[in-house]
């Protein structure tokens, strides 16, 4: 898969992950106590997923840059 296509796919995935995170954050405010713990856990998982996607995106972007000559 070409690098640009992978970056575009990661952008799409990031948008979905951020939307899911917003949903779960709302649930932490609205849910009853037992469900709130599940929503908080889902928030943490989504935040970790977003961090991983950003790391991959940055790594792919760095791969496209020409190597620096010292």
Protein backbone atom coordinates (compact mmCIF):
# COMPACT_ATOMS: atom_id res chain seq x y z
CA UNK A 1 0.00 0.00 0.00
CA UNK A 2 1.44 3.40 -0.91
CA UNK A 3 2.51 5.58 2.01
CA UNK A 4 0.12 8.43 1.10
CA UNK A 5 -2.81 6.02 1.02
CA UNK A 6 -1.82 4.66 4.42
CA UNK A 7 -1.65 8.20 5.81
CA UNK A 8 -5.12 8.92 4.45
CA UNK A 9 -6.45 5.72 5.97
CA UNK A 10 -4.92 6.64 9.33
CA UNK A 11 -6.51 10.10 9.10
CA UNK A 12 -9.90 8.44 8.61
CA UNK A 13 -9.24 6.08 11.51
CA UNK A 14 -8.24 9.02 13.71
CA UNK A 15 -11.48 10.84 12.96
CA UNK A 16 -13.49 7.75 13.91
CA UNK A 17 -11.45 7.18 17.08
CA UNK A 18 -11.92 10.81 18.17
CA UNK A 19 -15.66 10.55 17.58
CA UNK A 20 -15.76 7.36 19.66
CA UNK A 21 -13.77 9.06 22.40
CA UNK A 22 -16.26 11.96 22.46
CA UNK A 23 -19.11 9.45 22.74
CA UNK A 24 -17.50 7.63 25.66
CA UNK A 25 -16.69 10.89 27.43
CA UNK A 26 -20.37 11.82 27.23
CA UNK A 27 -21.24 8.42 28.66
CA UNK A 28 -19.04 9.03 31.70
CA UNK A 29 -21.24 12.03 32.49
CA UNK A 30 -24.58 10.33 31.82
CA UNK A 31 -24.10 6.74 32.89
CA UNK A 32 -25.01 5.18 36.21
CA UNK A 33 -22.12 4.29 38.49
CA UNK A 34 -21.48 0.70 37.25
CA UNK A 35 -21.67 1.76 33.62
CA UNK A 36 -19.55 4.85 34.26
CA UNK A 37 -16.56 2.63 35.09
CA UNK A 38 -16.97 0.88 31.72
CA UNK A 39 -17.20 4.22 29.93
CA UNK A 40 -14.06 5.48 31.70
CA UNK A 41 -12.20 2.35 30.65
CA UNK A 42 -13.39 2.81 27.07
CA UNK A 43 -12.10 6.40 27.18
CA UNK A 44 -8.67 5.22 28.26
CA UNK A 45 -8.59 2.61 25.51
CA UNK A 46 -9.64 5.15 22.87
CA UNK A 47 -7.00 7.62 24.07
CA UNK A 48 -4.33 4.92 23.80
CA UNK A 49 -5.58 3.98 20.33
CA UNK A 50 -5.40 7.62 19.22
CA UNK A 51 -1.84 7.95 20.56
CA UNK A 52 -0.80 4.83 18.64
CA UNK A 53 -2.35 6.12 15.43
CA UNK A 54 -0.58 9.46 15.80
CA UNK A 55 2.74 7.68 16.43
CA UNK A 56 2.29 5.57 13.30
CA UNK A 57 1.27 8.63 11.30
CA UNK A 58 4.36 10.56 12.43
CA UNK A 59 6.60 7.59 11.64
CA UNK A 60 5.17 7.30 8.13
CA UNK A 61 5.56 11.04 7.59
CA UNK A 62 9.22 10.85 8.67
CA UNK A 63 9.82 8.00 6.23
CA UNK A 64 8.91 10.31 3.36
CA UNK A 65 11.45 12.96 4.29
CA UNK A 66 14.88 12.87 2.65
CA UNK A 67 17.72 11.82 4.94
CA UNK A 68 19.75 14.65 6.42
CA UNK A 69 23.41 14.79 5.46
CA UNK A 70 25.83 15.74 8.22
